[in-house]
Amino acid sequence: MTAHVRPSNHAILPFLAVITGIATFGGMDAVMKGLAIALGTYNALLWRCGATVILAAILFAVRPTRWPERAALRLHILRGGITSVMAFTFFWGLARTPIAEAIAISFIAPIIALYLAAVMLGERVGRTSIIASALGLAGVAVIVAGKLGQGFDSDARWGIAAILCSAVLYAFNLILQRQQAQIASPVEIGLFQNGIVTAILLMFAPFFAVVPDFAQHGAAIWGAAALALVSLLLISWGYARAEAQALVPIEYSAFIWASIFGWMFFAEPVTWATLIGAALIVSGCLIVARRRPELAEVEQVAL
């Protein structure tokens, strides 16, 4: 299938979809942190991805969808491979650092992605996008400065290193997400991305896989799977209808949700530095939203 692009009058909808998807993803991060602590990172990711494949396969079967073409399949495989390493390093680090700090550190990714968008997608990095990103980065700097002074043990430092590694991969992932969303439906992306990640993880199953106690952890596994799929569907829908550089700064709103969920479920405190940084982050997001670039609604056309 190919993408036929036409102007859309609903310019705010992609932003709302991505913001909602990021909030949903924040909830999934909180659930996954608990699972990673209880089951280990590998098993938490393996069983969550496997459950997500089942949910996505049901949606894929319900909707009459053709098998992806070669170009889309290549992107699915490439993004799935990158996502498997990106997700493992992130959740491994998340189990060793507070959620808010982990998300703050990961915000280096949107900054890198803005300029990857110019190189890989031919998008022009406008002054507004740069200002919005600078505000977001300043917010992260305030938060990290307030937290680093409290000290981290050696385990947490390894966690930070893992999250930084994940952030670099996530920057590339954001650009692939934009390319993928232009030639594949959100349901197709959800199924193949999680399917490929699960297949890669299964290669290590003989060495690391353990069947969890589903009576104790089943609800969390299926809940994380549902949250991950809903988030992916919303974000894929939004990225199909707006430029990557317009949506990337909205990634900063993830910190707000990380702070809320970290406080609610893990008693991680929210400091004044966190609140000031969050205000800067939201300011950057609002600037991008007001930019209202020319958006496009993608209509899938079968060849």
C-alpha atoms as a PDB file:
ATOM      1  CA  MET A   1       0.000   0.000   0.000  1.00  0.00           C
ATOM      2  CA  THR A   2       1.066   3.587  -0.498  1.00  0.00           C
ATOM      3  CA  ALA A   3       0.140   6.747   1.339  1.00  0.00           C
ATOM      4  CA  HIS A   4      -1.980   9.396  -0.329  1.00  0.00           C
ATOM      5  CA  VAL A   5      -1.659  12.619   1.625  1.00  0.00           C
ATOM      6  CA  ARG A   6      -4.299  15.316   1.809  1.00  0.00           C
ATOM      7  CA  PRO A   7      -4.539  18.410   4.029  1.00  0.00           C
ATOM      8  CA  SER A   8      -6.425  18.028   7.300  1.00  0.00           C
ATOM      9  CA  ASN A   9      -8.398  20.669   9.173  1.00  0.00           C
ATOM     10  CA  HIS A  10      -8.052  18.714  12.418  1.00  0.00           C
ATOM     11  CA  ALA A  11      -4.505  19.911  13.100  1.00  0.00           C
ATOM     12  CA  ILE A  12      -4.710  19.445  16.857  1.00  0.00           C
ATOM     13  CA  LEU A  13      -5.756  15.768  16.749  1.00  0.00           C
ATOM     14  CA  PRO A  14      -2.265  14.321  16.107  1.00  0.00           C
ATOM     15  CA  PHE A  15      -0.934  16.283  19.081  1.00  0.00           C
ATOM     16  CA  LEU A  16      -3.742  15.036  21.335  1.00  0.00           C
ATOM     17  CA  ALA A  17      -3.187  11.455  20.166  1.00  0.00           C
ATOM     18  CA  VAL A  18       0.555  11.596  20.881  1.00  0.00           C
ATOM     19  CA  ILE A  19       0.079  13.298  24.264  1.00  0.00           C
ATOM     20  CA  THR A  20      -2.473  10.653  25.288  1.00  0.00           C
ATOM     21  CA  GLY A  21      -0.207   7.895  23.983  1.00  0.00           C
ATOM     22  CA  ILE A  22       2.711   9.212  26.022  1.00  0.00           C
ATOM     23  CA  ALA A  23       0.556   9.346  29.174  1.00  0.00           C
ATOM     24  CA  THR A  24      -0.545   5.746  28.556  1.00  0.00           C
ATOM     25  CA  PHE A  25       3.066   4.745  28.009  1.00  0.00           C
ATOM     26  CA  GLY A  26       3.966   6.352  31.331  1.00  0.00           C
ATOM     27  CA  GLY A  27       1.472   4.093  33.061  1.00  0.00           C
ATOM     28  CA  MET A  28       3.005   1.101  31.292  1.00  0.00           C
ATOM     29  CA  ASP A  29       6.476   2.147  32.498  1.00  0.00           C
ATOM     30  CA  ALA A  30       5.234   2.123  36.096  1.00  0.00           C
ATOM     31  CA  VAL A  31       3.738  -1.354  35.709  1.00  0.00           C
ATOM     32  CA  MET A  32       6.877  -2.605  33.968  1.00  0.00           C
ATOM     33  CA  LYS A  33       9.134  -1.251  36.700  1.00  0.00           C
ATOM     34  CA  GLY A  34       7.252  -3.376  39.214  1.00  0.00           C
ATOM     35  CA  LEU A  35       7.437  -6.415  36.921  1.00  0.00           C
ATOM     36  CA  ALA A  36      11.150  -5.892  36.231  1.00  0.00           C
ATOM     37  CA  ILE A  37      11.860  -5.798  39.951  1.00  0.00           C
ATOM     38  CA  ALA A  38       9.718  -8.895  40.581  1.00  0.00           C
ATOM     39  CA  LEU A  39      10.583 -11.034  37.527  1.00  0.00           C
ATOM     40  CA  GLY A  40      13.800  -9.543  36.164  1.00  0.00           C
ATOM     41  CA  THR A  41      14.018  -7.312  33.096  1.00  0.00           C
ATOM     42  CA  TYR A  42      14.212 -10.103  30.526  1.00  0.00           C
ATOM     43  CA  ASN A  43      11.159 -12.022  31.735  1.00  0.00           C
ATOM     44  CA  ALA A  44       9.105  -8.886  32.332  1.00  0.00           C
ATOM     45  CA  LEU A  45       9.775  -7.762  28.741  1.00  0.00           C
ATOM     46  CA  LEU A  46       9.334 -11.228  27.221  1.00  0.00           C
ATOM     47  CA  TRP A  47       5.927 -11.920  28.777  1.00  0.00           C
ATOM     48  CA  ARG A  48       4.641  -8.382  28.243  1.00  0.00           C
ATOM     49  CA  CYS A  49       5.619  -8.411  24.563  1.00  0.00           C
ATOM     50  CA  GLY A  50       4.132 -11.862  24.101  1.00  0.00           C
ATOM     51  CA  ALA A  51       0.828 -10.713  25.591  1.00  0.00           C
ATOM     52  CA  THR A  52       0.887  -7.598  23.410  1.00  0.00           C
ATOM     53  CA  VAL A  53       1.342  -9.774  20.300  1.00  0.00           C
ATOM     54  CA  ILE A  54      -1.812 -11.704  21.199  1.00  0.00           C
ATOM     55  CA  LEU A  55      -3.834  -8.502  21.663  1.00  0.00           C
ATOM     56  CA  ALA A  56      -2.470  -6.954  18.453  1.00  0.00           C
ATOM     57  CA  ALA A  57      -3.110 -10.177  16.487  1.00  0.00           C
ATOM     58  CA  ILE A  58      -6.772 -10.065  17.528  1.00  0.00           C
ATOM     59  CA  LEU A  59      -7.089  -6.503  16.239  1.00  0.00           C
ATOM     60  CA  PHE A  60      -5.177  -7.398  13.071  1.00  0.00           C
ATOM     61  CA  ALA A  61      -7.560 -10.327  12.419  1.00  0.00           C
ATOM     62  CA  VAL A  62     -10.676  -8.237  13.055  1.00  0.00           C
ATOM     63  CA  ARG A  63      -9.651  -5.543  10.565  1.00  0.00           C
ATOM     64  CA  PRO A  64      -9.274  -6.684   6.933  1.00  0.00           C
ATOM     65  CA  THR A  65      -5.601  -5.834   6.390  1.00  0.00           C
ATOM     66  CA  ARG A  66      -3.262  -7.005   3.668  1.00  0.00           C
ATOM     67  CA  TRP A  67       0.121  -8.520   4.464  1.00  0.00           C
ATOM     68  CA  PRO A  68       2.721  -5.695   4.579  1.00  0.00           C
ATOM     69  CA  GLU A  69       4.738  -4.998   1.466  1.00  0.00           C
ATOM     70  CA  ARG A  70       8.489  -5.469   1.344  1.00  0.00           C
ATOM     71  CA  ALA A  71       9.330  -1.844   2.233  1.00  0.00           C
ATOM     72  CA  ALA A  72       7.059  -1.915   5.287  1.00  0.00           C
ATOM     73  CA  LEU A  73       8.339  -5.336   6.346  1.00  0.00           C
ATOM     74  CA  ARG A  74      11.943  -4.110   6.203  1.00  0.00           C
ATOM     75  CA  LEU A  75      11.037  -1.181   8.459  1.00  0.00           C
ATOM     76  CA  HIS A  76       9.173  -3.485  10.856  1.00  0.00           C
ATOM     77  CA  ILE A  77      12.204  -5.753  11.158  1.00  0.00           C
ATOM     78  CA  LEU A  78      14.670  -2.864  11.547  1.00  0.00           C
ATOM     79  CA  ARG A  79      12.575  -1.049  14.151  1.00  0.00           C
ATOM     80  CA  GLY A  80      11.786  -4.283  15.970  1.00  0.00           C
ATOM     81  CA  GLY A  81      15.486  -5.107  16.273  1.00  0.00           C
ATOM     82  CA  ILE A  82      16.337  -1.646  17.564  1.00  0.00           C
ATOM     83  CA  THR A  83      13.355  -1.647  19.916  1.00  0.00           C
ATOM     84  CA  SER A  84      14.362  -4.956  21.496  1.00  0.00           C
ATOM     85  CA  VAL A  85      17.736  -3.554  22.610  1.00  0.00           C
ATOM     86  CA  MET A  86      16.290  -0.128  23.418  1.00  0.00           C
ATOM     87  CA  ALA A  87      13.510  -1.560  25.597  1.00  0.00           C
ATOM     88  CA  PHE A  88      15.772  -3.995  27.458  1.00  0.00           C
ATOM     89  CA  THR A  89      18.361  -1.355  28.354  1.00  0.00           C
ATOM     90  CA  PHE A  90      15.642   1.119  29.384  1.00  0.00           C
ATOM     91  CA  PHE A  91      13.738  -1.259  31.667  1.00  0.00           C
ATOM     92  CA  TRP A  92      16.988  -2.623  33.109  1.00  0.00           C
ATOM     93  CA  GLY A  93      17.954   0.941  34.021  1.00  0.00           C
ATOM     94  CA  LEU A  94      14.422   1.791  35.173  1.00  0.00           C
ATOM     95  CA  ALA A  95      14.542  -0.994  37.771  1.00  0.00           C
ATOM     96  CA  ARG A  96      17.597   0.758  39.280  1.00  0.00           C
ATOM     97  CA  THR A  97      16.595   4.440  39.140  1.00  0.00           C
ATOM     98  CA  PRO A  98      13.453   6.451  39.993  1.00  0.00           C
ATOM     99  CA  ILE A  99      11.000   6.702  37.109  1.00  0.00           C
ATOM    100  CA  ALA A 100      11.209  10.506  36.879  1.00  0.00           C
ATOM    101  CA  GLU A 101      15.002  10.499  36.726  1.00  0.00           C
ATOM    102  CA  ALA A 102      15.005   7.743  34.111  1.00  0.00           C
ATOM    103  CA  ILE A 103      12.618   9.681  31.887  1.00  0.00           C
ATOM    104  CA  ALA A 104      14.566  12.909  32.411  1.00  0.00           C
ATOM    105  CA  ILE A 105      17.813  11.275  31.304  1.00  0.00           C
ATOM    106  CA  SER A 106      16.079   9.744  28.281  1.00  0.00           C
ATOM    107  CA  PHE A 107      15.103  13.216  27.053  1.00  0.00           C
ATOM    108  CA  ILE A 108      18.410  13.457  25.234  1.00  0.00           C
ATOM    109  CA  ALA A 109      16.669  11.339  22.571  1.00  0.00           C
ATOM    110  CA  PRO A 110      14.232  13.966  21.212  1.00  0.00           C
ATOM    111  CA  ILE A 111      17.091  16.459  20.920  1.00  0.00           C
ATOM    112  CA  ILE A 112      19.074  13.997  18.802  1.00  0.00           C
ATOM    113  CA  ALA A 113      15.966  13.030  16.846  1.00  0.00           C
ATOM    114  CA  LEU A 114      15.227  16.608  15.789  1.00  0.00           C
ATOM    115  CA  TYR A 115      18.419  16.679  13.795  1.00  0.00           C
ATOM    116  CA  LEU A 116      18.136  13.095  12.599  1.00  0.00           C
ATOM    117  CA  ALA A 117      14.788  14.167  11.119  1.00  0.00           C
ATOM    118  CA  ALA A 118      16.603  16.776   9.052  1.00  0.00           C
ATOM    119  CA  VAL A 119      19.179  14.244   7.824  1.00  0.00           C
ATOM    120  CA  MET A 120      16.938  11.195   7.281  1.00  0.00           C
ATOM    121  CA  LEU A 121      13.556  12.730   6.420  1.00  0.00           C
ATOM    122  CA  GLY A 122      14.644  15.982   4.798  1.00  0.00           C
ATOM    123  CA  GLU A 123      12.641  18.027   7.317  1.00  0.00           C
ATOM    124  CA  ARG A 124      13.713  21.592   7.992  1.00  0.00           C
ATOM    125  CA  VAL A 125      14.518  22.233  11.640  1.00  0.00           C
ATOM    126  CA  GLY A 126      12.784  25.547  12.265  1.00  0.00           C
ATOM    127  CA  ARG A 127      13.614  28.106  14.924  1.00  0.00           C
ATOM    128  CA  THR A 128      10.414  27.344  16.837  1.00  0.00           C
ATOM    129  CA  SER A 129      11.325  23.663  17.149  1.00  0.00           C
ATOM    130  CA  ILE A 130      14.812  24.560  18.361  1.00  0.00           C
ATOM    131  CA  ILE A 131      13.433  26.971  20.983  1.00  0.00           C
ATOM    132  CA  ALA A 132      10.905  24.391  22.168  1.00  0.00           C
ATOM    133  CA  SER A 133      13.611  21.740  22.452  1.00  0.00           C
ATOM    134  CA  ALA A 134      15.891  24.155  24.327  1.00  0.00           C
ATOM    135  CA  LEU A 135      13.116  24.828  26.842  1.00  0.00           C
ATOM    136  CA  GLY A 136      12.544  21.124  27.284  1.00  0.00           C
ATOM    137  CA  LEU A 137      16.246  20.451  27.722  1.00  0.00           C
ATOM    138  CA  ALA A 138      16.520  23.320  30.227  1.00  0.00           C
ATOM    139  CA  GLY A 139      13.679  21.752  32.205  1.00  0.00           C
ATOM    140  CA  VAL A 140      15.483  18.418  32.247  1.00  0.00           C
ATOM    141  CA  ALA A 141      18.718  20.147  33.355  1.00  0.00           C
ATOM    142  CA  VAL A 142      16.934  21.757  36.308  1.00  0.00           C
ATOM    143  CA  ILE A 143      15.460  18.416  37.349  1.00  0.00           C
ATOM    144  CA  VAL A 144      18.668  16.448  36.997  1.00  0.00           C
ATOM    145  CA  ALA A 145      20.642  19.130  38.871  1.00  0.00           C
ATOM    146  CA  GLY A 146      18.198  18.870  41.746  1.00  0.00           C
ATOM    147  CA  LYS A 147      18.367  15.062  41.824  1.00  0.00           C
ATOM    148  CA  LEU A 148      22.036  14.345  41.202  1.00  0.00           C
ATOM    149  CA  GLY A 149      23.003  16.271  44.319  1.00  0.00           C
ATOM    150  CA  GLN A 150      21.252  13.611  46.402  1.00  0.00           C
ATOM    151  CA  GLY A 151      23.786  10.996  45.281  1.00  0.00           C
ATOM    152  CA  PHE A 152      23.435   7.663  43.478  1.00  0.00           C
ATOM    153  CA  ASP A 153      24.882   4.291  44.417  1.00  0.00           C
ATOM    154  CA  SER A 154      26.917   2.220  41.952  1.00  0.00           C
ATOM    155  CA  ASP A 155      23.847   0.225  40.873  1.00  0.00           C
ATOM    156  CA  ALA A 156      22.007   3.428  40.010  1.00  0.00           C
ATOM    157  CA  ARG A 157      24.987   4.706  38.012  1.00  0.00           C
ATOM    158  CA  TRP A 158      24.886   1.555  35.868  1.00  0.00           C
ATOM    159  CA  GLY A 159      21.154   2.178  35.506  1.00  0.00           C
ATOM    160  CA  ILE A 160      21.823   5.701  34.221  1.00  0.00           C
ATOM    161  CA  ALA A 161      24.360   4.358  31.720  1.00  0.00           C
ATOM    162  CA  ALA A 162      21.801   1.830  30.445  1.00  0.00           C
ATOM    163  CA  ILE A 163      19.155   4.531  30.057  1.00  0.00           C
ATOM    164  CA  LEU A 164      21.583   6.749  28.130  1.00  0.00           C
ATOM    165  CA  CYS A 165      22.283   3.842  25.772  1.00  0.00           C
ATOM    166  CA  SER A 166      18.542   3.344  25.359  1.00  0.00           C
ATOM    167  CA  ALA A 167      18.058   7.064  24.668  1.00  0.00           C
ATOM    168  CA  VAL A 168      20.476   7.029  21.737  1.00  0.00           C
ATOM    169  CA  LEU A 169      18.589   4.104  20.210  1.00  0.00           C
ATOM    170  CA  TYR A 170      15.280   5.821  20.940  1.00  0.00           C
ATOM    171  CA  ALA A 171      16.323   8.867  18.902  1.00  0.00           C
ATOM    172  CA  PHE A 172      16.767   6.648  15.840  1.00  0.00           C
ATOM    173  CA  ASN A 173      13.545   4.860  16.739  1.00  0.00           C
ATOM    174  CA  LEU A 174      11.589   8.140  16.645  1.00  0.00           C
ATOM    175  CA  ILE A 175      12.626   8.734  13.047  1.00  0.00           C
ATOM    176  CA  LEU A 176      11.812   5.174  12.015  1.00  0.00           C
ATOM    177  CA  GLN A 177       8.460   5.645  13.737  1.00  0.00           C
ATOM    178  CA  ARG A 178       7.646   8.549  11.414  1.00  0.00           C
ATOM    179  CA  GLN A 179       8.703   6.580   8.321  1.00  0.00           C
ATOM    180  CA  GLN A 180       6.833   3.492   9.479  1.00  0.00           C
ATOM    181  CA  ALA A 181       3.634   5.389  10.258  1.00  0.00           C
ATOM    182  CA  GLN A 182       3.505   6.737   6.699  1.00  0.00           C
ATOM    183  CA  ILE A 183       3.311   3.299   5.044  1.00  0.00           C
ATOM    184  CA  ALA A 184       1.672   1.037   7.653  1.00  0.00           C
ATOM    185  CA  SER A 185      -1.448   1.121   9.805  1.00  0.00           C
ATOM    186  CA  PRO A 186      -1.126   1.488  13.606  1.00  0.00           C
ATOM    187  CA  VAL A 187      -2.480  -2.049  14.152  1.00  0.00           C
ATOM    188  CA  GLU A 188       0.045  -3.497  11.703  1.00  0.00           C
ATOM    189  CA  ILE A 189       2.853  -1.621  13.453  1.00  0.00           C
ATOM    190  CA  GLY A 190       1.701  -2.860  16.843  1.00  0.00           C
ATOM    191  CA  LEU A 191       1.570  -6.482  15.728  1.00  0.00           C
ATOM    192  CA  PHE A 192       4.835  -6.681  13.799  1.00  0.00           C
ATOM    193  CA  GLN A 193       6.931  -4.568  16.159  1.00  0.00           C
ATOM    194  CA  ASN A 194       5.944  -6.597  19.214  1.00  0.00           C
ATOM    195  CA  GLY A 195       6.126  -9.838  17.226  1.00  0.00           C
ATOM    196  CA  ILE A 196       9.688  -9.150  16.115  1.00  0.00           C
ATOM    197  CA  VAL A 197      10.795  -8.083  19.599  1.00  0.00           C
ATOM    198  CA  THR A 198       9.227 -11.247  21.043  1.00  0.00           C
ATOM    199  CA  ALA A 199      10.959 -13.418  18.428  1.00  0.00           C
ATOM    200  CA  ILE A 200      14.329 -11.851  19.290  1.00  0.00           C
ATOM    201  CA  LEU A 201      13.755 -12.322  23.019  1.00  0.00           C
ATOM    202  CA  LEU A 202      12.737 -15.970  22.487  1.00  0.00           C
ATOM    203  CA  MET A 203      16.195 -16.659  21.091  1.00  0.00           C
ATOM    204  CA  PHE A 204      17.491 -16.266  24.665  1.00  0.00           C
ATOM    205  CA  ALA A 205      14.603 -18.140  26.299  1.00  0.00           C
ATOM    206  CA  PRO A 206      16.562 -21.385  26.905  1.00  0.00           C
ATOM    207  CA  PHE A 207      18.988 -19.430  29.068  1.00  0.00           C
ATOM    208  CA  PHE A 208      16.841 -16.851  30.856  1.00  0.00           C
ATOM    209  CA  ALA A 209      13.093 -17.527  30.483  1.00  0.00           C
ATOM    210  CA  VAL A 210      11.101 -18.399  33.593  1.00  0.00           C
ATOM    211  CA  VAL A 211       7.345 -18.996  33.677  1.00  0.00           C
ATOM    212  CA  PRO A 212       5.934 -16.441  36.136  1.00  0.00           C
ATOM    213  CA  ASP A 213       3.228 -17.021  38.702  1.00  0.00           C
ATOM    214  CA  PHE A 214       0.279 -15.779  36.641  1.00  0.00           C
ATOM    215  CA  ALA A 215      -2.007 -15.761  39.670  1.00  0.00           C
ATOM    216  CA  GLN A 216       0.273 -13.112  41.138  1.00  0.00           C
ATOM    217  CA  HIS A 217       1.649 -11.312  38.083  1.00  0.00           C
ATOM    218  CA  GLY A 218      -0.831 -12.116  35.290  1.00  0.00           C
ATOM    219  CA  ALA A 219      -2.942  -8.981  35.736  1.00  0.00           C
ATOM    220  CA  ALA A 220       0.155  -6.773  35.628  1.00  0.00           C
ATOM    221  CA  ILE A 221       1.499  -8.534  32.523  1.00  0.00           C
ATOM    222  CA  TRP A 222      -1.771  -8.180  30.599  1.00  0.00           C
ATOM    223  CA  GLY A 223      -2.260  -4.649  31.889  1.00  0.00           C
ATOM    224  CA  ALA A 224       1.200  -3.607  30.719  1.00  0.00           C
ATOM    225  CA  ALA A 225       0.523  -5.277  27.354  1.00  0.00           C
ATOM    226  CA  ALA A 226      -2.756  -3.411  26.892  1.00  0.00           C
ATOM    227  CA  LEU A 227      -1.201  -0.076  27.884  1.00  0.00           C
ATOM    228  CA  ALA A 228       1.748  -0.650  25.534  1.00  0.00           C
ATOM    229  CA  LEU A 229      -0.527  -1.468  22.595  1.00  0.00           C
ATOM    230  CA  VAL A 230      -2.902   1.452  23.140  1.00  0.00           C
ATOM    231  CA  SER A 231       0.079   3.799  23.452  1.00  0.00           C
ATOM    232  CA  LEU A 232       1.664   2.475  20.253  1.00  0.00           C
ATOM    233  CA  LEU A 233      -1.603   2.789  18.310  1.00  0.00           C
ATOM    234  CA  LEU A 234      -2.153   6.393  19.417  1.00  0.00           C
ATOM    235  CA  ILE A 235       1.435   7.509  18.800  1.00  0.00           C
ATOM    236  CA  SER A 236       1.604   5.767  15.400  1.00  0.00           C
ATOM    237  CA  TRP A 237      -1.652   7.456  14.383  1.00  0.00           C
ATOM    238  CA  GLY A 238      -0.299  10.850  15.405  1.00  0.00           C
ATOM    239  CA  TYR A 239       3.084  10.412  13.700  1.00  0.00           C
ATOM    240  CA  ALA A 240       1.319   9.518  10.456  1.00  0.00           C
ATOM    241  CA  ARG A 241      -0.305  12.952  10.427  1.00  0.00           C
ATOM    242  CA  ALA A 242       2.347  15.430  11.605  1.00  0.00           C
ATOM    243  CA  GLU A 243       6.039  16.102  11.097  1.00  0.00           C
ATOM    244  CA  ALA A 244       8.445  14.363  13.440  1.00  0.00           C
ATOM    245  CA  GLN A 245      10.050  17.642  14.510  1.00  0.00           C
ATOM    246  CA  ALA A 246       6.635  19.030  15.483  1.00  0.00           C
ATOM    247  CA  LEU A 247       5.783  16.011  17.644  1.00  0.00           C
ATOM    248  CA  VAL A 248       9.170  15.146  19.117  1.00  0.00           C
ATOM    249  CA  PRO A 249       9.213  17.965  21.731  1.00  0.00           C
ATOM    250  CA  ILE A 250       5.885  16.655  23.065  1.00  0.00           C
ATOM    251  CA  GLU A 251       7.891  13.662  24.275  1.00  0.00           C
ATOM    252  CA  TYR A 252       8.947  15.914  27.162  1.00  0.00           C
ATOM    253  CA  SER A 253       5.472  15.626  28.696  1.00  0.00           C
ATOM    254  CA  ALA A 254       6.414  12.039  29.618  1.00  0.00           C
ATOM    255  CA  PHE A 255       8.302  13.452  32.584  1.00  0.00           C
ATOM    256  CA  ILE A 256       5.119  14.784  34.129  1.00  0.00           C
ATOM    257  CA  TRP A 257       3.502  11.352  34.003  1.00  0.00           C
ATOM    258  CA  ALA A 258       6.675   9.703  35.272  1.00  0.00           C
ATOM    259  CA  SER A 259       6.647  11.993  38.296  1.00  0.00           C
ATOM    260  CA  ILE A 260       2.985  11.268  39.012  1.00  0.00           C
ATOM    261  CA  PHE A 261       3.236   7.494  38.638  1.00  0.00           C
ATOM    262  CA  GLY A 262       6.549   7.304  40.498  1.00  0.00           C
ATOM    263  CA  TRP A 263       5.021   9.172  43.436  1.00  0.00           C
ATOM    264  CA  MET A 264       1.788   7.140  43.379  1.00  0.00           C
ATOM    265  CA  PHE A 265       3.240   3.626  43.098  1.00  0.00           C
ATOM    266  CA  PHE A 266       6.820   3.842  44.389  1.00  0.00           C
ATOM    267  CA  ALA A 267       6.667   6.777  46.837  1.00  0.00           C
ATOM    268  CA  GLU A 268       9.256   8.668  44.757  1.00  0.00           C
ATOM    269  CA  PRO A 269       9.104  12.324  45.899  1.00  0.00           C
ATOM    270  CA  VAL A 270       8.334  15.239  43.589  1.00  0.00           C
ATOM    271  CA  THR A 271      10.604  18.179  44.475  1.00  0.00           C
ATOM    272  CA  TRP A 272      10.460  21.867  43.602  1.00  0.00           C
ATOM    273  CA  ALA A 273      13.176  21.247  41.026  1.00  0.00           C
ATOM    274  CA  THR A 274      10.876  18.688  39.447  1.00  0.00           C
ATOM    275  CA  LEU A 275       7.972  21.141  39.345  1.00  0.00           C
ATOM    276  CA  ILE A 276      10.071  23.979  37.880  1.00  0.00           C
ATOM    277  CA  GLY A 277      11.560  21.665  35.281  1.00  0.00           C
ATOM    278  CA  ALA A 278       8.119  20.334  34.402  1.00  0.00           C
ATOM    279  CA  ALA A 279       6.881  23.906  33.864  1.00  0.00           C
ATOM    280  CA  LEU A 280       9.692  24.513  31.361  1.00  0.00           C
ATOM    281  CA  ILE A 281       8.911  21.232  29.633  1.00  0.00           C
ATOM    282  CA  VAL A 282       5.216  22.064  29.294  1.00  0.00           C
ATOM    283  CA  SER A 283       6.120  25.512  27.919  1.00  0.00           C
ATOM    284  CA  GLY A 284       8.133  23.862  25.166  1.00  0.00           C
ATOM    285  CA  CYS A 285       5.237  21.545  24.326  1.00  0.00           C
ATOM    286  CA  LEU A 286       2.774  24.449  24.152  1.00  0.00           C
ATOM    287  CA  ILE A 287       5.048  26.380  21.798  1.00  0.00           C
ATOM    288  CA  VAL A 288       5.120  23.424  19.416  1.00  0.00           C
ATOM    289  CA  ALA A 289       1.358  22.928  19.639  1.00  0.00           C
ATOM    290  CA  ARG A 290       0.745  26.590  18.782  1.00  0.00           C
ATOM    291  CA  ARG A 291       3.045  26.308  15.777  1.00  0.00           C
ATOM    292  CA  ARG A 292       0.265  24.363  13.975  1.00  0.00           C
ATOM    293  CA  PRO A 293       2.361  23.163  11.023  1.00  0.00           C
ATOM    294  CA  GLU A 294       0.777  21.909   7.859  1.00  0.00           C
ATOM    295  CA  LEU A 295      -0.419  18.457   8.768  1.00  0.00           C
ATOM    296  CA  ALA A 296      -1.537  15.568   6.660  1.00  0.00           C
ATOM    297  CA  GLU A 297      -4.129  12.874   7.043  1.00  0.00           C
ATOM    298  CA  VAL A 298      -2.902   9.598   5.604  1.00  0.00           C
ATOM    299  CA  GLU A 299      -5.318   7.575   3.530  1.00  0.00           C
ATOM    300  CA  GLN A 300      -4.189   4.000   2.905  1.00  0.00           C
ATOM    301  CA  VAL A 301      -4.603   2.996  -0.730  1.00  0.00           C
ATOM    302  CA  ALA A 302      -4.180  -0.609  -1.827  1.00  0.00           C
ATOM    303  CA  LEU A 303      -2.056  -1.116  -4.941  1.00  0.00           C
END
